[in-house]
PDB file of N, CA and C in Angstrom:
ATOM      1  N   UNK A   1      -6.481 -12.473  72.671  1.00  0.00           N
ATOM      2  CA  UNK A   1      -6.944 -13.262  71.548  1.00  0.00           C
ATOM      3  C   UNK A   1      -7.909 -14.321  72.066  1.00  0.00           C
ATOM      4  N   UNK A   2      -8.961 -14.535  71.347  1.00  0.00           N
ATOM      5  CA  UNK A   2      -9.974 -15.503  71.756  1.00  0.00           C
ATOM      6  C   UNK A   2      -9.502 -16.933  71.501  1.00  0.00           C
ATOM      7  N   UNK A   3      -9.939 -17.825  72.354  1.00  0.00           N
ATOM      8  CA  UNK A   3      -9.671 -19.248  72.164  1.00  0.00           C
ATOM      9  C   UNK A   3     -10.854 -19.843  71.428  1.00  0.00           C
ATOM     10  N   UNK A   4     -10.584 -20.515  70.337  1.00  0.00           N
ATOM     11  CA  UNK A   4     -11.642 -21.116  69.530  1.00  0.00           C
ATOM     12  C   UNK A   4     -11.565 -22.621  69.685  1.00  0.00           C
ATOM     13  N   UNK A   5     -12.651 -23.227  70.128  1.00  0.00           N
ATOM     14  CA  UNK A   5     -12.694 -24.676  70.260  1.00  0.00           C
ATOM     15  C   UNK A   5     -13.023 -25.300  68.916  1.00  0.00           C
ATOM     16  N   UNK A   6     -12.298 -26.326  68.575  1.00  0.00           N
ATOM     17  CA  UNK A   6     -12.510 -27.044  67.325  1.00  0.00           C
ATOM     18  C   UNK A   6     -13.094 -28.405  67.668  1.00  0.00           C
ATOM     19  N   UNK A   7     -14.321 -28.651  67.234  1.00  0.00           N
ATOM     20  CA  UNK A   7     -14.993 -29.897  67.581  1.00  0.00           C
ATOM     21  C   UNK A   7     -14.310 -31.110  66.962  1.00  0.00           C
ATOM     22  N   UNK A   8     -13.517 -30.927  65.910  1.00  0.00           N
ATOM     23  CA  UNK A   8     -12.823 -32.046  65.271  1.00  0.00           C
ATOM     24  C   UNK A   8     -11.550 -32.434  66.018  1.00  0.00           C
ATOM     25  N   UNK A   9     -11.074 -31.572  66.900  1.00  0.00           N
ATOM     26  CA  UNK A   9      -9.887 -31.857  67.687  1.00  0.00           C
ATOM     27  C   UNK A   9     -10.336 -32.555  68.958  1.00  0.00           C
ATOM     28  N   UNK A  10     -10.045 -33.836  69.052  1.00  0.00           N
ATOM     29  CA  UNK A  10     -10.525 -34.648  70.159  1.00  0.00           C
ATOM     30  C   UNK A  10      -9.468 -34.708  71.256  1.00  0.00           C
ATOM     31  N   UNK A  11      -9.590 -33.823  72.235  1.00  0.00           N
ATOM     32  CA  UNK A  11      -8.690 -33.822  73.381  1.00  0.00           C
ATOM     33  C   UNK A  11      -9.539 -34.051  74.617  1.00  0.00           C
ATOM     34  N   UNK A  12      -9.401 -35.219  75.215  1.00  0.00           N
ATOM     35  CA  UNK A  12     -10.239 -35.559  76.352  1.00  0.00           C
ATOM     36  C   UNK A  12      -9.560 -35.294  77.686  1.00  0.00           C
ATOM     37  N   UNK A  13      -8.268 -35.050  77.679  1.00  0.00           N
ATOM     38  CA  UNK A  13      -7.509 -34.885  78.904  1.00  0.00           C
ATOM     39  C   UNK A  13      -7.030 -33.444  79.017  1.00  0.00           C
ATOM     40  N   UNK A  14      -7.404 -32.767  80.101  1.00  0.00           N
ATOM     41  CA  UNK A  14      -6.970 -31.382  80.298  1.00  0.00           C
ATOM     42  C   UNK A  14      -5.467 -31.274  80.549  1.00  0.00           C
ATOM     43  N   UNK A  15      -4.839 -32.396  80.909  1.00  0.00           N
ATOM     44  CA  UNK A  15      -3.405 -32.384  81.195  1.00  0.00           C
ATOM     45  C   UNK A  15      -2.560 -32.839  80.008  1.00  0.00           C
ATOM     46  N   UNK A  16      -3.165 -32.922  78.819  1.00  0.00           N
ATOM     47  CA  UNK A  16      -2.421 -33.380  77.654  1.00  0.00           C
ATOM     48  C   UNK A  16      -1.295 -32.393  77.353  1.00  0.00           C
ATOM     49  N   UNK A  17      -0.145 -32.924  76.964  1.00  0.00           N
ATOM     50  CA  UNK A  17       1.009 -32.087  76.662  1.00  0.00           C
ATOM     51  C   UNK A  17       1.122 -31.896  75.162  1.00  0.00           C
ATOM     52  N   UNK A  18       1.400 -30.670  74.760  1.00  0.00           N
ATOM     53  CA  UNK A  18       1.682 -30.384  73.362  1.00  0.00           C
ATOM     54  C   UNK A  18       3.141 -29.942  73.268  1.00  0.00           C
ATOM     55  N   UNK A  19       3.758 -30.209  72.124  1.00  0.00           N
ATOM     56  CA  UNK A  19       5.156 -29.868  71.988  1.00  0.00           C
ATOM     57  C   UNK A  19       5.508 -29.614  70.536  1.00  0.00           C
ATOM     58  N   UNK A  20       6.681 -29.092  70.338  1.00  0.00           N
ATOM     59  CA  UNK A  20       7.210 -28.867  68.998  1.00  0.00           C
ATOM     60  C   UNK A  20       8.720 -28.828  69.058  1.00  0.00           C
ATOM     61  N   UNK A  21       9.344 -29.109  67.924  1.00  0.00           N
ATOM     62  CA  UNK A  21      10.796 -28.968  67.807  1.00  0.00           C
ATOM     63  C   UNK A  21      11.105 -27.518  67.469  1.00  0.00           C
ATOM     64  N   UNK A  22      12.102 -26.955  68.154  1.00  0.00           N
ATOM     65  CA  UNK A  22      12.567 -25.610  67.811  1.00  0.00           C
ATOM     66  C   UNK A  22      14.009 -25.474  68.276  1.00  0.00           C
ATOM     67  N   UNK A  23      14.725 -24.581  67.628  1.00  0.00           N
ATOM     68  CA  UNK A  23      16.097 -24.378  68.068  1.00  0.00           C
ATOM     69  C   UNK A  23      16.105 -23.467  69.288  1.00  0.00           C
ATOM     70  N   UNK A  24      17.251 -23.368  69.923  1.00  0.00           N
ATOM     71  CA  UNK A  24      17.363 -22.641  71.180  1.00  0.00           C
ATOM     72  C   UNK A  24      17.005 -21.161  71.037  1.00  0.00           C
ATOM     73  N   UNK A  25      17.435 -20.527  69.944  1.00  0.00           N
ATOM     74  CA  UNK A  25      17.145 -19.097  69.787  1.00  0.00           C
ATOM     75  C   UNK A  25      15.643 -18.839  69.656  1.00  0.00           C
ATOM     76  N   UNK A  26      14.929 -19.732  68.980  1.00  0.00           N
ATOM     77  CA  UNK A  26      13.478 -19.564  68.882  1.00  0.00           C
ATOM     78  C   UNK A  26      12.815 -19.781  70.229  1.00  0.00           C
ATOM     79  N   UNK A  27      13.346 -20.710  71.027  1.00  0.00           N
ATOM     80  CA  UNK A  27      12.815 -20.957  72.357  1.00  0.00           C
ATOM     81  C   UNK A  27      13.004 -19.728  73.247  1.00  0.00           C
ATOM     82  N   UNK A  28      14.194 -19.133  73.199  1.00  0.00           N
ATOM     83  CA  UNK A  28      14.463 -17.927  73.986  1.00  0.00           C
ATOM     84  C   UNK A  28      13.544 -16.795  73.542  1.00  0.00           C
ATOM     85  N   UNK A  29      13.337 -16.656  72.236  1.00  0.00           N
ATOM     86  CA  UNK A  29      12.439 -15.629  71.714  1.00  0.00           C
ATOM     87  C   UNK A  29      11.008 -15.851  72.215  1.00  0.00           C
ATOM     88  N   UNK A  30      10.574 -17.093  72.231  1.00  0.00           N
ATOM     89  CA  UNK A  30       9.235 -17.430  72.726  1.00  0.00           C
ATOM     90  C   UNK A  30       9.077 -16.979  74.178  1.00  0.00           C
ATOM     91  N   UNK A  31      10.068 -17.254  74.999  1.00  0.00           N
ATOM     92  CA  UNK A  31      10.010 -16.871  76.408  1.00  0.00           C
ATOM     93  C   UNK A  31      10.115 -15.358  76.590  1.00  0.00           C
ATOM     94  N   UNK A  32      11.026 -14.742  75.857  1.00  0.00           N
ATOM     95  CA  UNK A  32      11.275 -13.313  75.995  1.00  0.00           C
ATOM     96  C   UNK A  32      10.093 -12.465  75.529  1.00  0.00           C
ATOM     97  N   UNK A  33       9.557 -12.795  74.367  1.00  0.00           N
ATOM     98  CA  UNK A  33       8.465 -12.007  73.786  1.00  0.00           C
ATOM     99  C   UNK A  33       7.074 -12.445  74.260  1.00  0.00           C
ATOM    100  N   UNK A  34       7.017 -13.656  74.839  1.00  0.00           N
ATOM    101  CA  UNK A  34       5.736 -14.239  75.245  1.00  0.00           C
ATOM    102  C   UNK A  34       4.774 -14.259  74.053  1.00  0.00           C
ATOM    103  N   UNK A  35       5.333 -14.677  72.925  1.00  0.00           N
ATOM    104  CA  UNK A  35       4.567 -14.684  71.677  1.00  0.00           C
ATOM    105  C   UNK A  35       5.064 -15.815  70.789  1.00  0.00           C
ATOM    106  N   UNK A  36       4.178 -16.300  69.950  1.00  0.00           N
ATOM    107  CA  UNK A  36       4.520 -17.328  68.981  1.00  0.00           C
ATOM    108  C   UNK A  36       4.914 -16.689  67.663  1.00  0.00           C
ATOM    109  N   UNK A  37       5.819 -17.342  66.946  1.00  0.00           N
ATOM    110  CA  UNK A  37       6.216 -16.899  65.620  1.00  0.00           C
ATOM    111  C   UNK A  37       5.427 -17.708  64.590  1.00  0.00           C
ATOM    112  N   UNK A  38       4.845 -17.045  63.628  1.00  0.00           N
ATOM    113  CA  UNK A  38       4.099 -17.697  62.556  1.00  0.00           C
ATOM    114  C   UNK A  38       4.823 -17.470  61.235  1.00  0.00           C
ATOM    115  N   UNK A  39       5.118 -18.571  60.535  1.00  0.00           N
ATOM    116  CA  UNK A  39       5.765 -18.495  59.218  1.00  0.00           C
ATOM    117  C   UNK A  39       4.714 -18.380  58.138  1.00  0.00           C
ATOM    118  N   UNK A  40       5.012 -17.598  57.127  1.00  0.00           N
ATOM    119  CA  UNK A  40       4.125 -17.553  55.974  1.00  0.00           C
ATOM    120  C   UNK A  40       4.165 -18.903  55.277  1.00  0.00           C
ATOM    121  N   UNK A  41       3.024 -19.399  54.856  1.00  0.00           N
ATOM    122  CA  UNK A  41       2.918 -20.752  54.295  1.00  0.00           C
ATOM    123  C   UNK A  41       3.800 -20.959  53.073  1.00  0.00           C
ATOM    124  N   UNK A  42       4.004 -19.921  52.288  1.00  0.00           N
ATOM    125  CA  UNK A  42       4.824 -20.086  51.093  1.00  0.00           C
ATOM    126  C   UNK A  42       6.325 -19.991  51.385  1.00  0.00           C
ATOM    127  N   UNK A  43       6.707 -19.767  52.641  1.00  0.00           N
ATOM    128  CA  UNK A  43       8.116 -19.697  53.009  1.00  0.00           C
ATOM    129  C   UNK A  43       8.618 -20.953  53.716  1.00  0.00           C
ATOM    130  N   UNK A  44       7.768 -21.933  53.962  1.00  0.00           N
ATOM    131  CA  UNK A  44       8.199 -23.102  54.743  1.00  0.00           C
ATOM    132  C   UNK A  44       8.927 -24.148  53.907  1.00  0.00           C
ATOM    133  N   UNK A  45       8.920 -24.018  52.597  1.00  0.00           N
ATOM    134  CA  UNK A  45       9.661 -24.934  51.749  1.00  0.00           C
ATOM    135  C   UNK A  45       8.924 -26.207  51.382  1.00  0.00           C
ATOM    136  N   UNK A  46       7.645 -26.289  51.703  1.00  0.00           N
ATOM    137  CA  UNK A  46       6.853 -27.466  51.363  1.00  0.00           C
ATOM    138  C   UNK A  46       5.981 -27.127  50.160  1.00  0.00           C
ATOM    139  N   UNK A  47       6.231 -27.747  49.006  1.00  0.00           N
ATOM    140  CA  UNK A  47       5.456 -27.394  47.805  1.00  0.00           C
ATOM    141  C   UNK A  47       3.978 -27.761  47.909  1.00  0.00           C
ATOM    142  N   UNK A  48       3.628 -28.621  48.867  1.00  0.00           N
ATOM    143  CA  UNK A  48       2.231 -29.021  49.022  1.00  0.00           C
ATOM    144  C   UNK A  48       1.503 -28.221  50.091  1.00  0.00           C
ATOM    145  N   UNK A  49       2.199 -27.323  50.778  1.00  0.00           N
ATOM    146  CA  UNK A  49       1.549 -26.521  51.809  1.00  0.00           C
ATOM    147  C   UNK A  49       0.510 -25.623  51.161  1.00  0.00           C
ATOM    148  N   UNK A  50      -0.717 -25.753  51.598  1.00  0.00           N
ATOM    149  CA  UNK A  50      -1.814 -24.970  51.049  1.00  0.00           C
ATOM    150  C   UNK A  50      -2.471 -25.595  49.837  1.00  0.00           C
ATOM    151  N   UNK A  51      -1.977 -26.753  49.408  1.00  0.00           N
ATOM    152  CA  UNK A  51      -2.567 -27.434  48.247  1.00  0.00           C
ATOM    153  C   UNK A  51      -3.964 -27.951  48.597  1.00  0.00           C
ATOM    154  N   UNK A  52      -4.775 -28.098  47.597  1.00  0.00           N
ATOM    155  CA  UNK A  52      -6.122 -28.636  47.789  1.00  0.00           C
ATOM    156  C   UNK A  52      -6.000 -30.158  47.892  1.00  0.00           C
ATOM    157  N   UNK A  53      -6.523 -30.735  48.974  1.00  0.00           N
ATOM    158  CA  UNK A  53      -6.411 -32.177  49.192  1.00  0.00           C
ATOM    159  C   UNK A  53      -7.315 -32.961  48.242  1.00  0.00           C
ATOM    160  N   UNK A  54      -7.022 -34.239  48.095  1.00  0.00           N
ATOM    161  CA  UNK A  54      -7.858 -35.097  47.252  1.00  0.00           C
ATOM    162  C   UNK A  54      -9.284 -35.152  47.793  1.00  0.00           C
ATOM    163  N   UNK A  55      -9.421 -35.186  49.115  1.00  0.00           N
ATOM    164  CA  UNK A  55     -10.751 -35.200  49.724  1.00  0.00           C
ATOM    165  C   UNK A  55     -11.528 -33.940  49.346  1.00  0.00           C
ATOM    166  N   UNK A  56     -10.859 -32.783  49.429  1.00  0.00           N
ATOM    167  CA  UNK A  56     -11.508 -31.523  49.068  1.00  0.00           C
ATOM    168  C   UNK A  56     -11.864 -31.505  47.581  1.00  0.00           C
ATOM    169  N   UNK A  57     -10.971 -32.016  46.737  1.00  0.00           N
ATOM    170  CA  UNK A  57     -11.263 -32.078  45.299  1.00  0.00           C
ATOM    171  C   UNK A  57     -12.492 -32.943  45.031  1.00  0.00           C
ATOM    172  N   UNK A  58     -12.578 -34.080  45.701  1.00  0.00           N
ATOM    173  CA  UNK A  58     -13.749 -34.944  45.537  1.00  0.00           C
ATOM    174  C   UNK A  58     -15.020 -34.234  45.971  1.00  0.00           C
ATOM    175  N   UNK A  59     -14.945 -33.509  47.099  1.00  0.00           N
ATOM    176  CA  UNK A  59     -16.111 -32.747  47.562  1.00  0.00           C
ATOM    177  C   UNK A  59     -16.508 -31.691  46.539  1.00  0.00           C
ATOM    178  N   UNK A  60     -15.525 -30.995  45.979  1.00  0.00           N
ATOM    179  CA  UNK A  60     -15.802 -29.953  44.981  1.00  0.00           C
ATOM    180  C   UNK A  60     -16.431 -30.543  43.729  1.00  0.00           C
ATOM    181  N   UNK A  61     -15.910 -31.680  43.302  1.00  0.00           N
ATOM    182  CA  UNK A  61     -16.466 -32.303  42.098  1.00  0.00           C
ATOM    183  C   UNK A  61     -17.905 -32.744  42.327  1.00  0.00           C
ATOM    184  N   UNK A  62     -18.207 -33.270  43.525  1.00  0.00           N
ATOM    185  CA  UNK A  62     -19.590 -33.646  43.848  1.00  0.00           C
ATOM    186  C   UNK A  62     -20.469 -32.401  43.872  1.00  0.00           C
ATOM    187  N   UNK A  63     -19.953 -31.321  44.478  1.00  0.00           N
ATOM    188  CA  UNK A  63     -20.728 -30.075  44.573  1.00  0.00           C
ATOM    189  C   UNK A  63     -21.024 -29.544  43.175  1.00  0.00           C
ATOM    190  N   UNK A  64     -20.020 -29.599  42.295  1.00  0.00           N
ATOM    191  CA  UNK A  64     -20.210 -29.108  40.926  1.00  0.00           C
ATOM    192  C   UNK A  64     -21.309 -29.881  40.214  1.00  0.00           C
ATOM    193  N   UNK A  65     -21.307 -31.182  40.373  1.00  0.00           N
ATOM    194  CA  UNK A  65     -22.298 -32.012  39.691  1.00  0.00           C
ATOM    195  C   UNK A  65     -23.692 -31.767  40.264  1.00  0.00           C
ATOM    196  N   UNK A  66     -23.774 -31.690  41.577  1.00  0.00           N
ATOM    197  CA  UNK A  66     -25.086 -31.594  42.228  1.00  0.00           C
ATOM    198  C   UNK A  66     -25.659 -30.181  42.144  1.00  0.00           C
ATOM    199  N   UNK A  67     -24.817 -29.169  42.320  1.00  0.00           N
ATOM    200  CA  UNK A  67     -25.345 -27.820  42.488  1.00  0.00           C
ATOM    201  C   UNK A  67     -25.323 -26.975  41.224  1.00  0.00           C
ATOM    202  N   UNK A  68     -24.172 -26.798  40.612  1.00  0.00           N
ATOM    203  CA  UNK A  68     -24.151 -25.800  39.541  1.00  0.00           C
ATOM    204  C   UNK A  68     -23.785 -26.337  38.156  1.00  0.00           C
ATOM    205  N   UNK A  69     -23.476 -27.590  38.052  1.00  0.00           N
ATOM    206  CA  UNK A  69     -23.240 -28.221  36.758  1.00  0.00           C
ATOM    207  C   UNK A  69     -22.132 -27.565  35.940  1.00  0.00           C
ATOM    208  N   UNK A  70     -21.189 -26.899  36.587  1.00  0.00           N
ATOM    209  CA  UNK A  70     -20.108 -26.254  35.838  1.00  0.00           C
ATOM    210  C   UNK A  70     -18.960 -27.211  35.560  1.00  0.00           C
ATOM    211  N   UNK A  71     -18.987 -28.366  36.144  1.00  0.00           N
ATOM    212  CA  UNK A  71     -17.958 -29.361  35.875  1.00  0.00           C
ATOM    213  C   UNK A  71     -16.593 -28.950  36.367  1.00  0.00           C
ATOM    214  N   UNK A  72     -15.582 -29.191  35.562  1.00  0.00           N
ATOM    215  CA  UNK A  72     -14.192 -29.020  35.971  1.00  0.00           C
ATOM    216  C   UNK A  72     -13.817 -27.562  36.219  1.00  0.00           C
ATOM    217  N   UNK A  73     -14.507 -26.611  35.617  1.00  0.00           N
ATOM    218  CA  UNK A  73     -14.109 -25.207  35.755  1.00  0.00           C
ATOM    219  C   UNK A  73     -14.122 -24.739  37.204  1.00  0.00           C
ATOM    220  N   UNK A  74     -15.133 -25.096  37.975  1.00  0.00           N
ATOM    221  CA  UNK A  74     -15.206 -24.657  39.366  1.00  0.00           C
ATOM    222  C   UNK A  74     -14.094 -25.291  40.198  1.00  0.00           C
ATOM    223  N   UNK A  75     -13.753 -26.547  39.905  1.00  0.00           N
ATOM    224  CA  UNK A  75     -12.677 -27.213  40.615  1.00  0.00           C
ATOM    225  C   UNK A  75     -11.354 -26.511  40.321  1.00  0.00           C
ATOM    226  N   UNK A  76     -11.095 -26.211  39.064  1.00  0.00           N
ATOM    227  CA  UNK A  76      -9.864 -25.515  38.690  1.00  0.00           C
ATOM    228  C   UNK A  76      -9.799 -24.128  39.326  1.00  0.00           C
ATOM    229  N   UNK A  77     -10.939 -23.462  39.410  1.00  0.00           N
ATOM    230  CA  UNK A  77     -10.977 -22.136  40.040  1.00  0.00           C
ATOM    231  C   UNK A  77     -10.649 -22.241  41.528  1.00  0.00           C
ATOM    232  N   UNK A  78     -11.152 -23.266  42.194  1.00  0.00           N
ATOM    233  CA  UNK A  78     -10.864 -23.477  43.608  1.00  0.00           C
ATOM    234  C   UNK A  78      -9.376 -23.740  43.827  1.00  0.00           C
ATOM    235  N   UNK A  79      -8.770 -24.544  42.965  1.00  0.00           N
ATOM    236  CA  UNK A  79      -7.336 -24.825  43.068  1.00  0.00           C
ATOM    237  C   UNK A  79      -6.531 -23.540  42.861  1.00  0.00           C
ATOM    238  N   UNK A  80      -6.894 -22.756  41.863  1.00  0.00           N
ATOM    239  CA  UNK A  80      -6.196 -21.504  41.592  1.00  0.00           C
ATOM    240  C   UNK A  80      -6.346 -20.524  42.756  1.00  0.00           C
ATOM    241  N   UNK A  81      -7.544 -20.434  43.308  1.00  0.00           N
ATOM    242  CA  UNK A  81      -7.783 -19.550  44.453  1.00  0.00           C
ATOM    243  C   UNK A  81      -6.947 -19.985  45.646  1.00  0.00           C
ATOM    244  N   UNK A  82      -6.878 -21.298  45.889  1.00  0.00           N
ATOM    245  CA  UNK A  82      -6.059 -21.810  46.995  1.00  0.00           C
ATOM    246  C   UNK A  82      -4.597 -21.426  46.802  1.00  0.00           C
ATOM    247  N   UNK A  83      -4.075 -21.555  45.583  1.00  0.00           N
ATOM    248  CA  UNK A  83      -2.687 -21.188  45.298  1.00  0.00           C
ATOM    249  C   UNK A  83      -2.447 -19.700  45.528  1.00  0.00           C
ATOM    250  N   UNK A  84      -3.392 -18.878  45.087  1.00  0.00           N
ATOM    251  CA  UNK A  84      -3.250 -17.427  45.246  1.00  0.00           C
ATOM    252  C   UNK A  84      -3.315 -16.998  46.708  1.00  0.00           C
ATOM    253  N   UNK A  85      -4.010 -17.768  47.538  1.00  0.00           N
ATOM    254  CA  UNK A  85      -4.187 -17.399  48.939  1.00  0.00           C
ATOM    255  C   UNK A  85      -3.088 -17.907  49.857  1.00  0.00           C
ATOM    256  N   UNK A  86      -2.193 -18.762  49.368  1.00  0.00           N
ATOM    257  CA  UNK A  86      -1.141 -19.321  50.217  1.00  0.00           C
ATOM    258  C   UNK A  86      -0.326 -18.243  50.934  1.00  0.00           C
ATOM    259  N   UNK A  87       0.059 -17.134  50.289  1.00  0.00           N
ATOM    260  CA  UNK A  87       0.835 -16.112  51.008  1.00  0.00           C
ATOM    261  C   UNK A  87       0.075 -15.451  52.166  1.00  0.00           C
ATOM    262  N   UNK A  88      -1.212 -15.649  52.251  1.00  0.00           N
ATOM    263  CA  UNK A  88      -2.007 -15.043  53.319  1.00  0.00           C
ATOM    264  C   UNK A  88      -2.273 -16.013  54.467  1.00  0.00           C
ATOM    265  N   UNK A  89      -1.650 -17.196  54.422  1.00  0.00           N
ATOM    266  CA  UNK A  89      -1.803 -18.199  55.472  1.00  0.00           C
ATOM    267  C   UNK A  89      -0.504 -18.269  56.264  1.00  0.00           C
ATOM    268  N   UNK A  90      -0.639 -18.325  57.588  1.00  0.00           N
ATOM    269  CA  UNK A  90       0.513 -18.382  58.476  1.00  0.00           C
ATOM    270  C   UNK A  90       0.445 -19.631  59.330  1.00  0.00           C
ATOM    271  N   UNK A  91       1.627 -20.219  59.624  1.00  0.00           N
ATOM    272  CA  UNK A  91       1.693 -21.522  60.280  1.00  0.00           C
ATOM    273  C   UNK A  91       2.535 -21.481  61.544  1.00  0.00           C
ATOM    274  N   UNK A  92       2.104 -22.259  62.515  1.00  0.00           N
ATOM    275  CA  UNK A  92       2.874 -22.530  63.712  1.00  0.00           C
ATOM    276  C   UNK A  92       2.429 -23.904  64.169  1.00  0.00           C
ATOM    277  N   UNK A  93       3.244 -24.908  63.947  1.00  0.00           N
ATOM    278  CA  UNK A  93       2.812 -26.298  64.131  1.00  0.00           C
ATOM    279  C   UNK A  93       3.297 -26.886  65.447  1.00  0.00           C
ATOM    280  N   UNK A  94       2.380 -27.532  66.145  1.00  0.00           N
ATOM    281  CA  UNK A  94       2.650 -28.204  67.403  1.00  0.00           C
ATOM    282  C   UNK A  94       2.134 -29.631  67.293  1.00  0.00           C
ATOM    283  N   UNK A  95       2.515 -30.455  68.258  1.00  0.00           N
ATOM    284  CA  UNK A  95       2.153 -31.871  68.217  1.00  0.00           C
ATOM    285  C   UNK A  95       1.600 -32.297  69.575  1.00  0.00           C
ATOM    286  N   UNK A  96       0.539 -33.088  69.559  1.00  0.00           N
ATOM    287  CA  UNK A  96       0.030 -33.692  70.782  1.00  0.00           C
ATOM    288  C   UNK A  96       0.691 -35.055  70.900  1.00  0.00           C
ATOM    289  N   UNK A  97       1.338 -35.290  72.008  1.00  0.00           N
ATOM    290  CA  UNK A  97       2.051 -36.548  72.190  1.00  0.00           C
ATOM    291  C   UNK A  97       1.059 -37.682  72.395  1.00  0.00           C
ATOM    292  N   UNK A  98       0.692 -38.328  71.306  1.00  0.00           N
ATOM    293  CA  UNK A  98      -0.286 -39.402  71.356  1.00  0.00           C
ATOM    294  C   UNK A  98       0.334 -40.751  71.022  1.00  0.00           C
ATOM    295  N   UNK A  99       1.619 -40.878  71.251  1.00  0.00           N
ATOM    296  CA  UNK A  99       2.299 -42.138  70.983  1.00  0.00           C
ATOM    297  C   UNK A  99       2.921 -42.198  69.600  1.00  0.00           C
ATOM    298  N   UNK A 100       2.655 -41.229  68.768  1.00  0.00           N
ATOM    299  CA  UNK A 100       3.222 -41.174  67.417  1.00  0.00           C
ATOM    300  C   UNK A 100       4.626 -40.615  67.509  1.00  0.00           C
ATOM    301  N   UNK A 101       5.586 -41.302  66.963  1.00  0.00           N
ATOM    302  CA  UNK A 101       6.973 -40.870  67.025  1.00  0.00           C
ATOM    303  C   UNK A 101       7.351 -40.208  65.706  1.00  0.00           C
ATOM    304  N   UNK A 102       7.429 -38.897  65.703  1.00  0.00           N
ATOM    305  CA  UNK A 102       7.723 -38.155  64.483  1.00  0.00           C
ATOM    306  C   UNK A 102       9.129 -38.468  63.962  1.00  0.00           C
ATOM    307  N   UNK A 103      10.039 -38.874  64.851  1.00  0.00           N
ATOM    308  CA  UNK A 103      11.382 -39.231  64.401  1.00  0.00           C
ATOM    309  C   UNK A 103      11.368 -40.399  63.438  1.00  0.00           C
ATOM    310  N   UNK A 104      10.421 -41.314  63.582  1.00  0.00           N
ATOM    311  CA  UNK A 104      10.325 -42.443  62.679  1.00  0.00           C
ATOM    312  C   UNK A 104      10.057 -41.991  61.245  1.00  0.00           C
ATOM    313  N   UNK A 105       9.276 -40.923  61.091  1.00  0.00           N
ATOM    314  CA  UNK A 105       8.976 -40.391  59.761  1.00  0.00           C
ATOM    315  C   UNK A 105      10.244 -39.819  59.147  1.00  0.00           C
ATOM    316  N   UNK A 106      10.981 -39.013  59.922  1.00  0.00           N
ATOM    317  CA  UNK A 106      12.182 -38.397  59.397  1.00  0.00           C
ATOM    318  C   UNK A 106      13.306 -39.405  59.180  1.00  0.00           C
ATOM    319  N   UNK A 107      13.376 -40.436  60.022  1.00  0.00           N
ATOM    320  CA  UNK A 107      14.412 -41.453  59.883  1.00  0.00           C
ATOM    321  C   UNK A 107      14.235 -42.285  58.623  1.00  0.00           C
ATOM    322  N   UNK A 108      13.015 -42.374  58.097  1.00  0.00           N
ATOM    323  CA  UNK A 108      12.772 -43.151  56.884  1.00  0.00           C
ATOM    324  C   UNK A 108      13.424 -42.500  55.669  1.00  0.00           C
ATOM    325  N   UNK A 109      13.592 -41.199  55.718  1.00  0.00           N
ATOM    326  CA  UNK A 109      14.208 -40.472  54.602  1.00  0.00           C
ATOM    327  C   UNK A 109      15.669 -40.444  54.830  1.00  0.00           C
TER     328      UNK A 109
END
C-alpha cells in the first residue's frame, strides 16, 4: 500500500510516537495478522461520524452563492450525499502524543 503524505499533518519529528487505546485481543490480532482493523463509520456508535461540518457547510453556501446560485438545494444535496456515503467510509483512529491528555475529555463525562 502506498504512503500518502498529507501536507496538513504537521509532523516535524521523525521519532514522533503515535498510539491508540485497544483491548488485548485487538492488540494480539494486530501482531498476529500484521494488519490494521478498520470499522465501518456507521458502526462506531457516533451519530456525528461522517456528518458535514459547519466549516464545510459555510464553504458550500459560499460556493452556491458565487458559482451556481442554487441556494440551499445544493447544500441539502451535499448533506444527503454525505449521509448516504457513511457506510463506505472506514475508520482506524490513532493519536500523536502532543501533550493532549485524552483521559481529561473522557473524565469530564
